PDB file of N, CA and C in Angstrom:
ATOM      1  N   MET A   1      13.189   3.363   4.774  1.00  0.00           N
ATOM      2  CA  MET A   1      12.376   2.852   3.777  1.00  0.00           C
ATOM      3  C   MET A   1      11.088   2.172   4.307  1.00  0.00           C
ATOM      4  N   ILE A   2      11.260   1.308   5.335  1.00  0.00           N
ATOM      5  CA  ILE A   2      10.083   0.618   5.872  1.00  0.00           C
ATOM      6  C   ILE A   2       9.089   1.559   6.511  1.00  0.00           C
ATOM      7  N   GLU A   3       9.636   2.669   7.075  1.00  0.00           N
ATOM      8  CA  GLU A   3       8.745   3.687   7.757  1.00  0.00           C
ATOM      9  C   GLU A   3       7.862   4.408   6.610  1.00  0.00           C
ATOM     10  N   ASN A   4       8.507   4.587   5.469  1.00  0.00           N
ATOM     11  CA  ASN A   4       7.786   5.226   4.352  1.00  0.00           C
ATOM     12  C   ASN A   4       6.629   4.221   3.913  1.00  0.00           C
ATOM     13  N   PHE A   5       6.906   2.940   3.832  1.00  0.00           N
ATOM     14  CA  PHE A   5       5.924   1.927   3.458  1.00  0.00           C
ATOM     15  C   PHE A   5       4.773   1.986   4.417  1.00  0.00           C
ATOM     16  N   PHE A   6       5.080   1.879   5.715  1.00  0.00           N
ATOM     17  CA  PHE A   6       3.945   1.927   6.703  1.00  0.00           C
ATOM     18  C   PHE A   6       3.167   3.162   6.654  1.00  0.00           C
ATOM     19  N   ALA A   7       3.776   4.324   6.456  1.00  0.00           N
ATOM     20  CA  ALA A   7       3.059   5.563   6.406  1.00  0.00           C
ATOM     21  C   ALA A   7       2.128   5.576   5.188  1.00  0.00           C
ATOM     22  N   THR A   8       2.672   4.997   4.046  1.00  0.00           N
ATOM     23  CA  THR A   8       1.778   4.912   2.875  1.00  0.00           C
ATOM     24  C   THR A   8       0.631   3.986   3.037  1.00  0.00           C
ATOM     25  N   ILE A   9       0.935   2.794   3.606  1.00  0.00           N
ATOM     26  CA  ILE A   9      -0.205   1.870   3.754  1.00  0.00           C
ATOM     27  C   ILE A   9      -1.229   2.375   4.773  1.00  0.00           C
ATOM     28  N   LYS A  10      -0.822   3.089   5.776  1.00  0.00           N
ATOM     29  CA  LYS A  10      -1.811   3.605   6.667  1.00  0.00           C
ATOM     30  C   LYS A  10      -2.675   4.730   6.059  1.00  0.00           C
ATOM     31  N   SER A  11      -2.026   5.585   5.260  1.00  0.00           N
ATOM     32  CA  SER A  11      -2.791   6.741   4.668  1.00  0.00           C
ATOM     33  C   SER A  11      -3.652   6.230   3.471  1.00  0.00           C
ATOM     34  N   GLU A  12      -3.186   5.225   2.704  1.00  0.00           N
ATOM     35  CA  GLU A  12      -3.951   4.789   1.535  1.00  0.00           C
ATOM     36  C   GLU A  12      -4.966   3.725   1.821  1.00  0.00           C
ATOM     37  N   MET A  13      -4.778   2.916   2.972  1.00  0.00           N
ATOM     38  CA  MET A  13      -5.577   1.855   3.251  1.00  0.00           C
ATOM     39  C   MET A  13      -6.219   1.801   4.598  1.00  0.00           C
ATOM     40  N   PHE A  14      -5.521   1.872   5.573  1.00  0.00           N
ATOM     41  CA  PHE A  14      -5.992   1.712   6.963  1.00  0.00           C
ATOM     42  C   PHE A  14      -6.857   2.802   7.437  1.00  0.00           C
ATOM     43  N   TYR A  15      -6.542   4.097   7.158  1.00  0.00           N
ATOM     44  CA  TYR A  15      -7.411   5.247   7.587  1.00  0.00           C
ATOM     45  C   TYR A  15      -8.616   5.419   6.742  1.00  0.00           C
ATOM     46  N   VAL A  16      -8.656   4.761   5.595  1.00  0.00           N
ATOM     47  CA  VAL A  16      -9.824   4.961   4.689  1.00  0.00           C
ATOM     48  C   VAL A  16     -10.929   4.037   4.987  1.00  0.00           C
ATOM     49  N   LYS A  17     -10.663   2.840   5.530  1.00  0.00           N
ATOM     50  CA  LYS A  17     -11.724   1.802   5.741  1.00  0.00           C
ATOM     51  C   LYS A  17     -11.701   1.367   7.271  1.00  0.00           C
ATOM     52  N   LYS A  18     -12.817   1.120   7.758  1.00  0.00           N
ATOM     53  CA  LYS A  18     -13.024   0.660   9.084  1.00  0.00           C
ATOM     54  C   LYS A  18     -13.099  -0.910   8.990  1.00  0.00           C
ATOM     55  N   TYR A  19     -12.178  -1.544   9.755  1.00  0.00           N
ATOM     56  CA  TYR A  19     -12.111  -3.029   9.658  1.00  0.00           C
ATOM     57  C   TYR A  19     -12.889  -3.641  10.832  1.00  0.00           C
ATOM     58  N   ILE A  20     -13.640  -4.718  10.491  1.00  0.00           N
ATOM     59  CA  ILE A  20     -14.413  -5.380  11.571  1.00  0.00           C
ATOM     60  C   ILE A  20     -13.682  -6.668  12.151  1.00  0.00           C
ATOM     61  N   SER A  21     -12.638  -7.085  11.413  1.00  0.00           N
ATOM     62  CA  SER A  21     -11.987  -8.233  11.872  1.00  0.00           C
ATOM     63  C   SER A  21     -10.484  -8.235  11.448  1.00  0.00           C
ATOM     64  N   ILE A  22      -9.701  -8.890  12.247  1.00  0.00           N
ATOM     65  CA  ILE A  22      -8.259  -9.020  11.902  1.00  0.00           C
ATOM     66  C   ILE A  22      -8.017  -9.778  10.532  1.00  0.00           C
ATOM     67  N   LYS A  23      -8.898 -10.764  10.316  1.00  0.00           N
ATOM     68  CA  LYS A  23      -8.777 -11.534   9.091  1.00  0.00           C
ATOM     69  C   LYS A  23      -8.956 -10.625   7.890  1.00  0.00           C
ATOM     70  N   GLU A  24      -9.920  -9.768   7.916  1.00  0.00           N
ATOM     71  CA  GLU A  24     -10.211  -8.841   6.821  1.00  0.00           C
ATOM     72  C   GLU A  24      -9.016  -7.848   6.593  1.00  0.00           C
ATOM     73  N   LEU A  25      -8.467  -7.372   7.748  1.00  0.00           N
ATOM     74  CA  LEU A  25      -7.323  -6.490   7.643  1.00  0.00           C
ATOM     75  C   LEU A  25      -6.099  -7.185   7.062  1.00  0.00           C
ATOM     76  N   LYS A  26      -5.865  -8.421   7.490  1.00  0.00           N
ATOM     77  CA  LYS A  26      -4.685  -9.273   6.976  1.00  0.00           C
ATOM     78  C   LYS A  26      -4.821  -9.387   5.442  1.00  0.00           C
ATOM     79  N   LYS A  27      -6.053  -9.704   4.985  1.00  0.00           N
ATOM     80  CA  LYS A  27      -6.303  -9.935   3.566  1.00  0.00           C
ATOM     81  C   LYS A  27      -5.993  -8.668   2.735  1.00  0.00           C
ATOM     82  N   ASP A  28      -6.472  -7.509   3.306  1.00  0.00           N
ATOM     83  CA  ASP A  28      -6.307  -6.264   2.556  1.00  0.00           C
ATOM     84  C   ASP A  28      -4.762  -5.918   2.579  1.00  0.00           C
ATOM     85  N   ILE A  29      -4.053  -6.168   3.710  1.00  0.00           N
ATOM     86  CA  ILE A  29      -2.632  -5.876   3.759  1.00  0.00           C
ATOM     87  C   ILE A  29      -1.951  -6.698   2.660  1.00  0.00           C
ATOM     88  N   MET A  30      -2.286  -7.905   2.542  1.00  0.00           N
ATOM     89  CA  MET A  30      -1.594  -8.870   1.541  1.00  0.00           C
ATOM     90  C   MET A  30      -1.862  -8.328   0.192  1.00  0.00           C
ATOM     91  N   GLU A  31      -3.060  -7.935  -0.146  1.00  0.00           N
ATOM     92  CA  GLU A  31      -3.387  -7.357  -1.409  1.00  0.00           C
ATOM     93  C   GLU A  31      -2.605  -6.040  -1.661  1.00  0.00           C
ATOM     94  N   TYR A  32      -2.477  -5.255  -0.646  1.00  0.00           N
ATOM     95  CA  TYR A  32      -1.776  -3.997  -0.796  1.00  0.00           C
ATOM     96  C   TYR A  32      -0.284  -4.210  -1.015  1.00  0.00           C
ATOM     97  N   VAL A  33       0.324  -5.202  -0.425  1.00  0.00           N
ATOM     98  CA  VAL A  33       1.725  -5.504  -0.609  1.00  0.00           C
ATOM     99  C   VAL A  33       1.951  -5.926  -2.054  1.00  0.00           C
ATOM    100  N   LYS A  34       1.008  -6.731  -2.566  1.00  0.00           N
ATOM    101  CA  LYS A  34       1.086  -7.144  -3.975  1.00  0.00           C
ATOM    102  C   LYS A  34       1.024  -5.895  -4.896  1.00  0.00           C
ATOM    103  N   TYR A  35       0.167  -5.018  -4.583  1.00  0.00           N
ATOM    104  CA  TYR A  35       0.006  -3.788  -5.362  1.00  0.00           C
ATOM    105  C   TYR A  35       1.264  -2.838  -5.228  1.00  0.00           C
ATOM    106  N   TYR A  36       1.775  -2.743  -4.055  1.00  0.00           N
ATOM    107  CA  TYR A  36       2.923  -1.852  -3.707  1.00  0.00           C
ATOM    108  C   TYR A  36       4.166  -2.461  -4.459  1.00  0.00           C
ATOM    109  N   ASN A  37       4.275  -3.634  -4.634  1.00  0.00           N
ATOM    110  CA  ASN A  37       5.433  -4.216  -5.284  1.00  0.00           C
ATOM    111  C   ASN A  37       5.281  -4.317  -6.852  1.00  0.00           C
ATOM    112  N   ASN A  38       4.055  -3.972  -7.272  1.00  0.00           N
ATOM    113  CA  ASN A  38       3.740  -4.076  -8.747  1.00  0.00           C
ATOM    114  C   ASN A  38       4.575  -3.113  -9.577  1.00  0.00           C
ATOM    115  N   ASN A  39       4.926  -3.597 -10.758  1.00  0.00           N
ATOM    116  CA  ASN A  39       5.729  -2.859 -11.695  1.00  0.00           C
ATOM    117  C   ASN A  39       4.894  -1.698 -12.317  1.00  0.00           C
ATOM    118  N   ASN A  40       3.576  -1.805 -12.272  1.00  0.00           N
ATOM    119  CA  ASN A  40       2.700  -0.785 -12.829  1.00  0.00           C
ATOM    120  C   ASN A  40       2.379   0.343 -11.975  1.00  0.00           C
ATOM    121  N   ARG A  41       2.849   0.316 -10.691  1.00  0.00           N
ATOM    122  CA  ARG A  41       2.503   1.363  -9.693  1.00  0.00           C
ATOM    123  C   ARG A  41       3.322   2.599 -10.030  1.00  0.00           C
ATOM    124  N   ILE A  42       2.651   3.644 -10.509  1.00  0.00           N
ATOM    125  CA  ILE A  42       3.248   4.887 -10.923  1.00  0.00           C
ATOM    126  C   ILE A  42       3.627   5.781  -9.809  1.00  0.00           C
ATOM    127  N   ARG A  43       4.779   6.424  -9.797  1.00  0.00           N
ATOM    128  CA  ARG A  43       5.205   7.277  -8.795  1.00  0.00           C
ATOM    129  C   ARG A  43       5.528   8.666  -9.382  1.00  0.00           C
ATOM    130  N   LEU A  44       4.849   9.698  -8.862  1.00  0.00           N
ATOM    131  CA  LEU A  44       5.053  11.063  -9.482  1.00  0.00           C
ATOM    132  C   LEU A  44       6.460  11.547  -9.128  1.00  0.00           C
ATOM    133  N   ASN A  45       6.995  11.206  -7.982  1.00  0.00           N
ATOM    134  CA  ASN A  45       8.346  11.617  -7.592  1.00  0.00           C
ATOM    135  C   ASN A  45       9.451  10.905  -8.475  1.00  0.00           C
ATOM    136  N   LEU A  46       9.043   9.878  -9.203  1.00  0.00           N
ATOM    137  CA  LEU A  46       9.938   9.164 -10.103  1.00  0.00           C
ATOM    138  C   LEU A  46       9.655   9.544 -11.506  1.00  0.00           C
ATOM    139  N   LYS A  47       9.042  10.668 -11.754  1.00  0.00           N
ATOM    140  CA  LYS A  47       8.695  11.220 -13.152  1.00  0.00           C
ATOM    141  C   LYS A  47       7.831  10.177 -13.834  1.00  0.00           C
ATOM    142  N   GLY A  48       6.778   9.633 -13.205  1.00  0.00           N
ATOM    143  CA  GLY A  48       5.860   8.794 -13.847  1.00  0.00           C
ATOM    144  C   GLY A  48       6.298   7.349 -13.994  1.00  0.00           C
ATOM    145  N   MET A  49       7.404   6.979 -13.471  1.00  0.00           N
ATOM    146  CA  MET A  49       7.980   5.598 -13.606  1.00  0.00           C
ATOM    147  C   MET A  49       7.533   4.728 -12.440  1.00  0.00           C
ATOM    148  N   SER A  50       7.622   3.465 -12.566  1.00  0.00           N
ATOM    149  CA  SER A  50       7.321   2.541 -11.474  1.00  0.00           C
ATOM    150  C   SER A  50       8.593   2.494 -10.624  1.00  0.00           C
ATOM    151  N   PRO A  51       8.472   2.032  -9.357  1.00  0.00           N
ATOM    152  CA  PRO A  51       9.694   1.870  -8.536  1.00  0.00           C
ATOM    153  C   PRO A  51      10.732   0.873  -9.073  1.00  0.00           C
ATOM    154  N   MET A  52      10.249  -0.055  -9.845  1.00  0.00           N
ATOM    155  CA  MET A  52      11.195  -1.026 -10.482  1.00  0.00           C
ATOM    156  C   MET A  52      11.998  -0.266 -11.582  1.00  0.00           C
TER     157      MET A  52
END
């Protein structure tokens, strides 16, 4: 499960943007974790439902 999370965060966030500081990266990771745990995040493999 955690490997899936890291693969997702890398493909959706890390590979898309070039970071100039660790502080900026940490901030974006924290925001992404909030989004990832959000009830409104729709998953196609769950037939349009959120993970919750």
